[in-house]
Amino acid sequence: MWIVYCYNKITKDYEILTKKIKNYVCNTRESFL
């Protein structure tokens, strides 16, 4: 399954999102969960 992991520059953490948000850097990664 492929999902989008987004790096939140404010909280310095990764989150799973379904769409792009301005403060996030998004990359598609293969899910390992």
Protein backbone atom coordinates (compact mmCIF):
# COMPACT_ATOMS: atom_id res chain seq x y z
CA MET A 1 0.00 0.00 0.00
CA TRP A 2 1.26 3.46 -0.90
CA ILE A 3 0.56 6.42 1.32
CA VAL A 4 1.81 9.97 1.64
CA TYR A 5 4.08 10.85 4.51
CA CYS A 6 4.40 14.55 5.16
CA TYR A 7 7.09 16.24 7.21
CA ASN A 8 5.70 18.96 9.44
CA LYS A 9 8.31 21.71 9.63
CA ILE A 10 6.65 23.18 12.71
CA THR A 11 6.39 20.11 14.92
CA LYS A 12 9.42 18.41 13.36
CA ASP A 13 7.51 15.20 12.89
CA TYR A 14 6.11 13.04 10.12
CA GLU A 15 2.40 12.64 9.61
CA ILE A 16 0.24 10.72 7.17
CA LEU A 17 -1.88 13.05 5.06
CA THR A 18 -4.18 12.66 2.09
CA LYS A 19 -3.41 16.04 0.57
CA LYS A 20 -0.63 18.61 0.44
CA ILE A 21 -0.47 21.39 2.99
CA LYS A 22 1.74 24.43 2.62
CA ASN A 23 3.84 23.81 5.74
CA TYR A 24 4.49 20.19 4.87
CA VAL A 25 7.00 18.46 2.65
CA CYS A 26 5.21 15.47 1.19
CA ASN A 27 6.66 12.31 -0.27
CA THR A 28 5.09 9.08 -1.39
CA ARG A 29 6.59 6.14 0.47
CA GLU A 30 5.81 2.47 0.54
CA SER A 31 4.02 1.66 3.76
CA PHE A 32 5.93 -0.66 6.05
CA LEU A 33 3.23 -0.83 8.70
